[in-house]
Protein backbone atom coordinates (compact mmCIF):
# COMPACT_ATOMS: atom_id res chain seq x y z
CA UNK A 1 95.29 128.87 76.90
CA UNK A 2 96.55 125.39 76.07
CA UNK A 3 94.89 122.32 74.74
CA UNK A 4 95.88 118.69 74.48
CA UNK A 5 94.54 115.38 73.34
CA UNK A 6 92.35 114.02 76.11
CA UNK A 7 94.55 110.91 76.36
CA UNK A 8 97.37 113.16 77.59
CA UNK A 9 95.35 114.70 80.44
CA UNK A 10 97.14 115.51 83.72
CA UNK A 11 97.92 112.48 85.86
CA UNK A 12 95.63 113.60 88.67
CA UNK A 13 92.56 114.29 86.51
CA UNK A 14 89.60 112.04 87.40
CA UNK A 15 88.99 109.43 84.74
CA UNK A 16 85.81 108.46 82.89
CA UNK A 17 85.73 104.66 82.96
CA UNK A 18 83.54 102.17 81.10
CA UNK A 19 83.58 98.93 83.11
CA UNK A 20 82.24 95.99 81.09
CA UNK A 21 80.77 92.84 82.62
CA UNK A 22 78.83 90.32 80.56
CA UNK A 23 77.57 88.58 83.73
CA UNK A 24 77.44 90.99 86.64
CA UNK A 25 75.25 89.65 89.43
CA UNK A 26 77.48 89.09 92.52
CA UNK A 27 75.42 86.04 93.47
CA UNK A 28 76.58 84.38 90.22
CA UNK A 29 80.21 84.31 91.28
CA UNK A 30 83.42 86.25 91.62
CA UNK A 31 83.09 88.34 88.43
CA UNK A 32 80.01 90.09 89.81
CA UNK A 33 81.66 90.65 93.17
CA UNK A 34 84.64 92.20 91.40
CA UNK A 35 82.49 94.66 89.45
CA UNK A 36 80.46 95.63 92.49
CA UNK A 37 83.36 96.46 94.79
CA UNK A 38 85.86 97.80 92.28
CA UNK A 39 83.32 100.21 90.75
CA UNK A 40 82.41 101.58 94.18
CA UNK A 41 86.01 102.13 95.25
CA UNK A 42 86.99 103.73 91.93
CA UNK A 43 84.11 106.18 92.35
CA UNK A 44 85.19 106.89 95.91
CA UNK A 45 88.60 107.84 94.52
CA UNK A 46 86.84 110.49 92.43
CA UNK A 47 86.52 108.74 89.05
CA UNK A 48 83.31 108.54 87.02
CA UNK A 49 82.46 104.88 86.47
CA UNK A 50 79.76 103.63 84.11
CA UNK A 51 79.16 99.90 84.37
CA UNK A 52 77.96 98.32 81.13
CA UNK A 53 76.44 94.98 82.05
CA UNK A 54 74.42 92.07 80.75
CA UNK A 55 71.93 89.81 82.48
CA UNK A 56 71.91 88.93 85.29
CA UNK A 57 72.53 92.61 85.88
CA UNK A 58 75.14 93.84 88.37
CA UNK A 59 74.32 94.95 91.89
CA UNK A 60 76.03 98.29 92.55
CA UNK A 61 76.57 100.03 95.88
CA UNK A 62 75.96 103.59 96.98
CA UNK A 63 79.19 105.55 96.79
CA UNK A 64 78.47 107.74 99.83
CA UNK A 65 78.96 111.40 100.56
CA UNK A 66 82.04 113.54 100.07
CA UNK A 67 84.20 114.48 97.10
CA UNK A 68 83.65 111.36 95.01
CA UNK A 69 82.98 110.47 91.43
CA UNK A 70 79.79 109.16 89.93
CA UNK A 71 78.73 105.54 89.60
CA UNK A 72 76.08 104.62 87.03
CA UNK A 73 74.79 101.58 85.17
CA UNK A 74 73.80 101.00 81.54
CA UNK A 75 72.06 97.82 80.44
CA UNK A 76 73.58 95.91 77.54
CA UNK A 77 70.57 93.65 77.16
CA UNK A 78 70.78 90.15 75.71
CA UNK A 79 68.05 87.62 74.97
CA UNK A 80 68.72 86.31 78.50
CA UNK A 81 68.45 82.69 77.40
CA UNK A 82 69.51 81.18 80.75
CA UNK A 83 67.11 83.07 82.98
CA UNK A 84 64.90 81.36 85.50
CA UNK A 85 62.31 79.90 85.46
CA UNK A 86 62.60 79.24 81.69
CA UNK A 87 66.25 78.59 80.79
CA UNK A 88 67.10 77.60 77.20
CA UNK A 89 63.90 79.30 76.07
CA UNK A 90 62.77 80.05 72.51
CA UNK A 91 62.46 83.86 72.13
CA UNK A 92 59.57 85.41 70.27
CA UNK A 93 60.35 86.69 66.78
CA UNK A 94 59.89 90.28 67.92
CA UNK A 95 62.70 89.92 70.46
CA UNK A 96 65.38 89.68 67.76
CA UNK A 97 66.91 93.13 67.26
CA UNK A 98 70.41 92.50 65.89
CA UNK A 99 72.86 89.99 64.44
CA UNK A 100 74.12 89.40 68.01
CA UNK A 101 70.66 88.11 68.98
CA UNK A 102 70.67 85.58 66.13
CA UNK A 103 74.21 84.43 67.03
CA UNK A 104 73.24 84.12 70.69
CA UNK A 105 70.24 81.90 70.01
CA UNK A 106 71.98 79.74 67.39
CA UNK A 107 74.98 79.12 69.65
CA UNK A 108 72.78 78.22 72.62
CA UNK A 109 70.68 75.81 70.54
CA UNK A 110 73.81 74.00 69.36
CA UNK A 111 75.13 73.52 72.89
CA UNK A 112 77.60 76.40 73.07
CA UNK A 113 77.88 79.32 75.48
CA UNK A 114 77.37 82.53 73.49
CA UNK A 115 77.51 85.34 76.05
CA UNK A 116 81.19 86.40 75.88
CA UNK A 117 80.98 86.82 72.10
CA UNK A 118 77.54 88.38 71.86
CA UNK A 119 78.07 90.75 74.79
CA UNK A 120 81.30 91.97 73.18
CA UNK A 121 79.41 92.66 69.94
CA UNK A 122 76.74 94.68 71.74
CA UNK A 123 79.27 96.52 73.91
CA UNK A 124 81.27 97.55 70.85
CA UNK A 125 78.13 98.92 69.21
CA UNK A 126 77.40 100.98 72.34
CA UNK A 127 80.97 102.29 72.55
CA UNK A 128 81.03 103.24 68.89
CA UNK A 129 77.88 105.33 69.44
CA UNK A 130 79.45 107.13 72.40
CA UNK A 131 82.88 108.18 71.21
CA UNK A 132 84.29 110.72 73.63
CA UNK A 133 82.31 109.58 76.66
CA UNK A 134 85.09 107.46 78.24
CA UNK A 135 88.84 107.81 78.77
CA UNK A 136 89.39 104.07 79.13
CA UNK A 137 87.45 100.83 78.75
CA UNK A 138 87.94 98.07 81.34
CA UNK A 139 86.73 94.62 80.25
CA UNK A 140 85.99 92.11 82.99
CA UNK A 141 86.93 88.76 81.39
CA UNK A 142 84.66 88.97 78.34
CA UNK A 143 87.57 88.50 75.91
CA UNK A 144 85.20 88.65 72.95
CA UNK A 145 86.03 89.45 69.35
CA UNK A 146 83.93 92.60 69.50
CA UNK A 147 86.44 94.26 71.82
CA UNK A 148 89.38 93.98 69.45
CA UNK A 149 90.48 97.22 67.86
CA UNK A 150 88.74 99.54 70.31
CA UNK A 151 91.79 101.79 70.15
CA UNK A 152 90.88 102.57 66.54
CA UNK A 153 87.64 104.19 67.71
CA UNK A 154 89.36 106.05 70.53
CA UNK A 155 89.30 103.78 73.57
CA UNK A 156 92.38 102.38 75.36
CA UNK A 157 91.48 98.92 76.65
CA UNK A 158 92.45 97.23 79.92
CA UNK A 159 91.22 93.67 80.50
CA UNK A 160 90.93 91.70 83.73
CA UNK A 161 91.32 87.93 83.51
CA UNK A 162 90.61 86.38 86.90
CA UNK A 163 91.89 83.05 85.67
CA UNK A 164 91.79 81.28 82.30
CA UNK A 165 88.46 79.49 81.84
CA UNK A 166 90.48 76.72 80.20
CA UNK A 167 91.26 75.57 83.76
CA UNK A 168 87.53 75.07 84.42
CA UNK A 169 87.25 73.28 81.09
CA UNK A 170 89.98 70.78 81.94
CA UNK A 171 88.47 70.00 85.35
CA UNK A 172 84.97 69.58 83.89
CA UNK A 173 86.33 67.28 81.17
CA UNK A 174 88.13 65.18 83.79
CA UNK A 175 84.85 64.78 85.69
CA UNK A 176 82.73 64.04 82.60
CA UNK A 177 81.65 60.42 82.30
CA UNK A 178 81.18 59.03 78.82
CA UNK A 179 81.83 60.30 75.32
CA UNK A 180 78.53 62.17 74.98
CA UNK A 181 79.13 64.15 78.16
CA UNK A 182 82.71 64.94 77.14
CA UNK A 183 81.56 66.19 73.74
CA UNK A 184 78.93 68.33 75.44
CA UNK A 185 81.56 69.90 77.73
CA UNK A 186 83.85 70.60 74.79
CA UNK A 187 81.06 72.30 72.87
CA UNK A 188 80.01 74.42 75.87
CA UNK A 189 83.56 75.67 76.33
CA UNK A 190 84.02 76.40 72.64
CA UNK A 191 84.27 80.13 73.45
CA UNK A 192 87.66 79.54 75.10
CA UNK A 193 89.28 79.39 71.65
CA UNK A 194 88.06 82.92 71.01
CA UNK A 195 89.27 84.08 74.42
CA UNK A 196 92.75 82.74 73.75
CA UNK A 197 92.96 84.50 70.38
CA UNK A 198 91.72 87.78 71.84
CA UNK A 199 93.98 87.64 74.88
CA UNK A 200 97.08 87.28 72.73
CA UNK A 201 96.29 90.61 71.04
CA UNK A 202 95.79 92.63 74.23
CA UNK A 203 98.33 95.19 75.37
CA UNK A 204 97.32 95.31 79.06
CA UNK A 205 95.98 92.36 81.05
CA UNK A 206 95.24 92.61 84.77
CA UNK A 207 94.90 89.59 87.00
CA UNK A 208 94.45 89.00 90.69
CA UNK A 209 97.35 86.71 91.68
CA UNK A 210 100.76 85.46 90.64
CA UNK A 211 99.25 82.02 90.14
CA UNK A 212 96.73 83.39 87.66
CA UNK A 213 99.45 85.38 85.89
CA UNK A 214 101.37 82.17 85.24
CA UNK A 215 98.22 80.39 84.07
CA UNK A 216 97.35 83.25 81.69
CA UNK A 217 100.75 83.06 80.04
CA UNK A 218 100.66 79.26 79.87
CA UNK A 219 97.04 78.70 78.81
CA UNK A 220 96.28 81.86 76.82
CA UNK A 221 99.71 82.56 75.36
CA UNK A 222 99.90 86.14 76.66
CA UNK A 223 103.44 87.45 76.97
CA UNK A 224 104.37 87.74 80.68
CA UNK A 225 105.39 91.41 80.41
CA UNK A 226 101.82 92.28 79.39
CA UNK A 227 100.28 90.72 82.52
CA UNK A 228 100.05 92.83 85.69
CA UNK A 229 98.99 91.52 89.12
CA UNK A 230 96.54 93.68 91.08
CA UNK A 231 95.32 91.73 94.14
CA UNK A 232 91.73 92.22 95.22
CA UNK A 233 90.26 91.48 98.63
CA UNK A 234 87.55 92.08 101.16
CA UNK A 235 85.37 95.06 101.94
CA UNK A 236 86.79 95.33 105.44
CA UNK A 237 84.15 97.87 106.45
CA UNK A 238 81.60 95.08 106.08
CA UNK A 239 83.67 91.95 106.70
CA UNK A 240 84.85 92.45 110.26
CA UNK A 241 84.64 90.71 113.65
CA UNK A 242 81.57 91.27 115.82
CA UNK A 243 81.56 89.75 119.29
CA UNK A 244 77.80 90.27 119.59
CA UNK A 245 77.15 87.53 117.01
CA UNK A 246 76.97 84.19 118.86
CA UNK A 247 79.21 81.41 117.55
CA UNK A 248 77.29 78.17 116.86
CA UNK A 249 79.16 75.10 118.12
CA UNK A 250 80.21 72.72 115.35
CA UNK A 251 79.26 75.10 112.53
CA UNK A 252 81.35 75.03 109.34
CA UNK A 253 80.57 77.57 106.61
CA UNK A 254 81.56 77.53 102.95
CA UNK A 255 80.59 79.46 99.82
CA UNK A 256 79.70 77.67 96.62
CA UNK A 257 78.04 79.66 93.84
CA UNK A 258 77.94 76.65 91.49
CA UNK A 259 77.83 72.86 91.84
CA UNK A 260 80.87 72.23 89.65
CA UNK A 261 83.98 70.09 90.25
CA UNK A 262 86.18 73.20 90.46
CA UNK A 263 84.61 74.26 93.77
CA UNK A 264 85.39 70.98 95.53
CA UNK A 265 82.15 70.96 97.54
CA UNK A 266 81.76 67.21 97.21
CA UNK A 267 85.09 66.72 99.01
CA UNK A 268 83.93 68.95 101.87
CA UNK A 269 80.70 66.96 102.17
CA UNK A 270 82.73 63.74 102.36
CA UNK A 271 85.01 65.35 104.96
CA UNK A 272 81.98 66.36 107.04
CA UNK A 273 80.87 62.74 107.21
CA UNK A 274 84.29 61.80 108.63
CA UNK A 275 84.27 64.71 111.10
CA UNK A 276 80.86 63.68 112.41
CA UNK A 277 82.08 60.22 113.38
CA UNK A 278 83.92 61.80 116.35
CA UNK A 279 82.07 65.04 117.17
CA UNK A 280 78.97 67.11 116.44
CA UNK A 281 79.33 69.24 113.34
CA UNK A 282 77.19 70.64 110.55
CA UNK A 283 77.81 72.50 107.30
CA UNK A 284 76.13 75.65 105.99
CA UNK A 285 76.67 76.30 102.27
CA UNK A 286 76.10 79.84 101.04
CA UNK A 287 74.57 79.06 97.66
CA UNK A 288 71.54 77.42 96.12
CA UNK A 289 70.95 73.71 96.49
CA UNK A 290 70.61 71.46 93.48
CA UNK A 291 68.36 68.44 93.90
CA UNK A 292 70.51 66.34 91.59
CA UNK A 293 74.19 66.05 90.77
CA UNK A 294 77.25 64.68 92.60
CA UNK A 295 76.89 66.82 95.73
CA UNK A 296 73.22 65.97 96.23
CA UNK A 297 74.00 62.29 95.65
CA UNK A 298 76.82 62.39 98.21
CA UNK A 299 74.62 64.05 100.83
CA UNK A 300 72.01 61.31 100.44
CA UNK A 301 74.57 58.51 100.24
CA UNK A 302 76.34 59.64 103.42
CA UNK A 303 73.14 60.28 105.37
CA UNK A 304 73.83 64.00 105.79
CA UNK A 305 70.43 65.43 104.88
CA UNK A 306 70.03 67.00 108.33
CA UNK A 307 73.66 68.12 108.59
CA UNK A 308 74.05 70.18 105.41
CA UNK A 309 72.05 73.36 104.92
CA UNK A 310 72.02 75.59 101.82
CA UNK A 311 71.26 79.29 102.06
CA UNK A 312 70.89 81.16 98.79
CA UNK A 313 69.98 84.76 98.04
CA UNK A 314 70.85 86.15 101.48
CA UNK A 315 71.79 89.81 101.85
CA UNK A 316 75.23 91.09 102.78
CA UNK A 317 74.56 91.55 106.48
CA UNK A 318 73.12 88.06 106.90
CA UNK A 319 76.02 86.62 104.90
CA UNK A 320 78.61 88.28 107.11
CA UNK A 321 76.81 87.27 110.30
CA UNK A 322 76.61 83.69 109.05
CA UNK A 323 80.39 83.57 108.61
CA UNK A 324 80.89 85.23 111.99
CA UNK A 325 78.68 82.57 113.58
CA UNK A 326 80.85 79.69 112.34
CA UNK A 327 83.60 78.01 114.32
CA UNK A 328 85.39 77.33 111.03
CA UNK A 329 85.21 78.66 107.47
CA UNK A 330 86.33 76.41 104.63
CA UNK A 331 87.46 76.90 101.02
CA UNK A 332 87.61 73.38 99.49
CA UNK A 333 88.19 74.47 95.87
CA UNK A 334 90.40 72.46 93.55
CA UNK A 335 91.51 75.73 91.98
CA UNK A 336 90.92 79.45 92.50
CA UNK A 337 92.31 82.41 90.61
CA UNK A 338 92.22 84.40 93.86
CA UNK A 339 89.58 83.27 96.42
CA UNK A 340 87.38 86.06 97.65
CA UNK A 341 85.64 83.71 100.13
CA UNK A 342 88.98 83.11 101.84
CA UNK A 343 89.74 86.83 102.16
CA UNK A 344 86.24 87.66 103.39
CA UNK A 345 86.15 84.90 105.98
CA UNK A 346 89.61 85.85 107.27
CA UNK A 347 88.52 89.50 107.53
CA UNK A 348 85.82 88.51 110.04
CA UNK A 349 88.39 86.73 112.22
CA UNK A 350 86.81 83.33 111.52
CA UNK A 351 89.57 80.68 111.31
CA UNK A 352 90.02 79.18 107.87
CA UNK A 353 90.69 75.74 106.43
CA UNK A 354 91.67 76.05 102.78
CA UNK A 355 93.17 73.94 100.04
CA UNK A 356 96.37 74.80 98.22
CA UNK A 357 94.62 74.91 94.84
CA UNK A 358 95.70 77.67 92.46
CA UNK A 359 96.14 81.07 94.13
CA UNK A 360 94.51 80.17 97.44
CA UNK A 361 97.85 80.03 99.34
CA UNK A 362 98.65 83.57 98.13
CA UNK A 363 95.53 84.74 99.94
CA UNK A 364 95.25 82.38 102.89
CA UNK A 365 98.94 82.40 103.82
CA UNK A 366 101.08 79.81 105.57
CA UNK A 367 99.74 76.60 107.06
CA UNK A 368 99.52 76.84 110.83
CA UNK A 369 99.89 80.62 110.86
CA UNK A 370 96.95 82.28 109.11
CA UNK A 371 95.05 79.14 108.06
CA UNK A 372 95.21 75.37 108.03
CA UNK A 373 96.15 74.28 104.51
CA UNK A 374 95.38 70.93 102.87
CA UNK A 375 95.88 69.43 99.40
CA UNK A 376 92.98 69.96 96.97
CA UNK A 377 90.61 67.04 96.50
CA UNK A 378 91.68 65.28 99.74
CA UNK A 379 88.60 64.71 101.90
CA UNK A 380 90.64 62.95 104.58
CA UNK A 381 93.03 65.89 105.00
CA UNK A 382 90.07 68.29 105.09
CA UNK A 383 88.47 66.23 107.86
CA UNK A 384 91.65 66.26 109.96
CA UNK A 385 92.10 70.03 109.64
CA UNK A 386 88.44 70.76 110.39
CA UNK A 387 88.58 68.49 113.42
CA UNK A 388 91.71 70.24 114.73
CA UNK A 389 90.04 73.63 114.69
CA UNK A 390 86.71 72.41 116.04
CA UNK A 391 88.49 70.78 119.00
CA UNK A 392 90.88 73.63 119.90
CA UNK A 393 89.47 77.07 120.86
CA UNK A 394 92.94 78.56 121.36
CA UNK A 395 94.04 77.50 117.89
CA UNK A 396 90.85 78.97 116.41
CA UNK A 397 91.48 82.30 118.14
CA UNK A 398 95.12 82.49 117.03
CA UNK A 399 94.47 81.50 113.40
CA UNK A 400 91.45 83.82 113.17
CA UNK A 401 93.28 86.89 114.49
CA UNK A 402 96.32 86.31 112.28
CA UNK A 403 94.12 85.83 109.24
CA UNK A 404 92.38 89.17 109.74
CA UNK A 405 95.68 90.99 110.09
CA UNK A 406 96.87 89.46 106.84
CA UNK A 407 93.81 90.73 104.96
CA UNK A 408 94.07 94.24 106.42
CA UNK A 409 97.71 94.45 105.37
CA UNK A 410 97.38 93.01 101.85
CA UNK A 411 93.88 92.54 100.47
CA UNK A 412 91.43 95.46 100.49
CA UNK A 413 89.28 96.88 97.71
CA UNK A 414 90.59 100.40 98.34
CA UNK A 415 94.11 99.31 97.46
CA UNK A 416 92.85 97.33 94.46
CA UNK A 417 91.12 100.44 93.08
CA UNK A 418 94.23 102.58 93.52
CA UNK A 419 96.43 100.09 91.67
CA UNK A 420 93.83 99.58 88.93
CA UNK A 421 93.60 103.33 88.31
CA UNK A 422 97.39 103.42 87.90
CA UNK A 423 97.08 100.79 85.17
CA UNK A 424 94.38 102.86 83.44
CA UNK A 425 96.70 105.84 83.30
CA UNK A 426 99.51 103.71 81.94
CA UNK A 427 97.22 102.41 79.17
CA UNK A 428 96.13 105.97 78.32
CA UNK A 429 99.73 107.20 78.33
CA UNK A 430 100.75 104.68 75.65
CA UNK A 431 98.81 106.80 73.18
CA UNK A 432 96.27 104.10 72.30
CA UNK A 433 93.24 105.77 70.81
CA UNK A 434 94.73 109.28 70.79
CA UNK A 435 94.76 109.62 67.01
CA UNK A 436 91.12 108.61 66.77
CA UNK A 437 90.14 111.02 69.53
CA UNK A 438 92.14 113.90 68.06
CA UNK A 439 90.65 113.22 64.65
CA UNK A 440 87.16 113.56 66.09
CA UNK A 441 88.10 116.84 67.75
CA UNK A 442 87.91 115.62 71.35
CA UNK A 443 90.00 118.15 73.20
CA UNK A 444 89.94 119.85 76.53
CA UNK A 445 91.16 123.27 77.65
């Protein structure tokens, strides 16, 4: 009979993983999509995955039959101060249960964004109560002070940074008009100082592209040798061609989970107006419409009320069929750390027009081969590329087929889960947390 510290378990032993996500709903953006698909594929590999998530809570998939691990969810509840229909609400006195609740409310009332810090405080409290339950903790871009020193209570830590939020901050500041608005943006992004300090103390950082890896080193000061690229991708079982779905002439589809400058939607709206001067075309935006803001103003100013449709809250099947029904998919973002919408659209065989912002070229590939590529923020170039595809069925077919082959070869969630699990084992093998675990008597036979 032999025994060993659990951190030195055999390399093929299934792992017990705590996957943290302070904002997990996939309809809120890429972080939720990441948690949903990565957790499912890790469980399909045989690992036990417990997602610890805050509001809006994650949507998790069924793992399916066969020899697979377990997938479960534990709520790390906040005051949920940004919920609809009463955002920025004043909680009742009885809702305050901890110091984290007080910090959350005070930060919100002074114009800051508290969730990365307060979620990390609550997650640490949960982890400290459950020593021995997990082999590794995987943080999904929280980068909060509460996650520092987890190794001392027995948990090796791996952190995913999709891209530094400082990039969003710079773009929002550039778009802010007036001193008051600029001060408001700076206050909202105050948590980025914390994220930089935390990131510099991490031993293992995962990211989704070479572009993001460079940005993490530049913006967050993380040493390059600590940053590891694990590309993500599309669920190709879901995102696939289907000839039974009719293609709607002139339809352009894009995804925009937030009306922010980073997503470049205003430039696509301006491009649509140019496209429509020579041909019939309309735009479907997967996301919720705002009745005010730059995009809404542009739609009214350009007379596009009947040519731009927003569809929010649709289920997966309707989402995929919507992309399949388009003659062209478009990613107009000024910057992306990876671009899931590009990978998913390409997986359906729908031809893609995409900007060269951030990591998008790493996903979309070469101009004229697997996509048509344009500079970010250039509505005129977007209009030309969209017009080329709308006018040329042969070009659409060639670009669409090549795009799908690229995704199948490079960007699937199965491969992402395999590579991520390898990084977990490397973090465990460093010995982080072993002394704490051995001291508490956590051993296996």
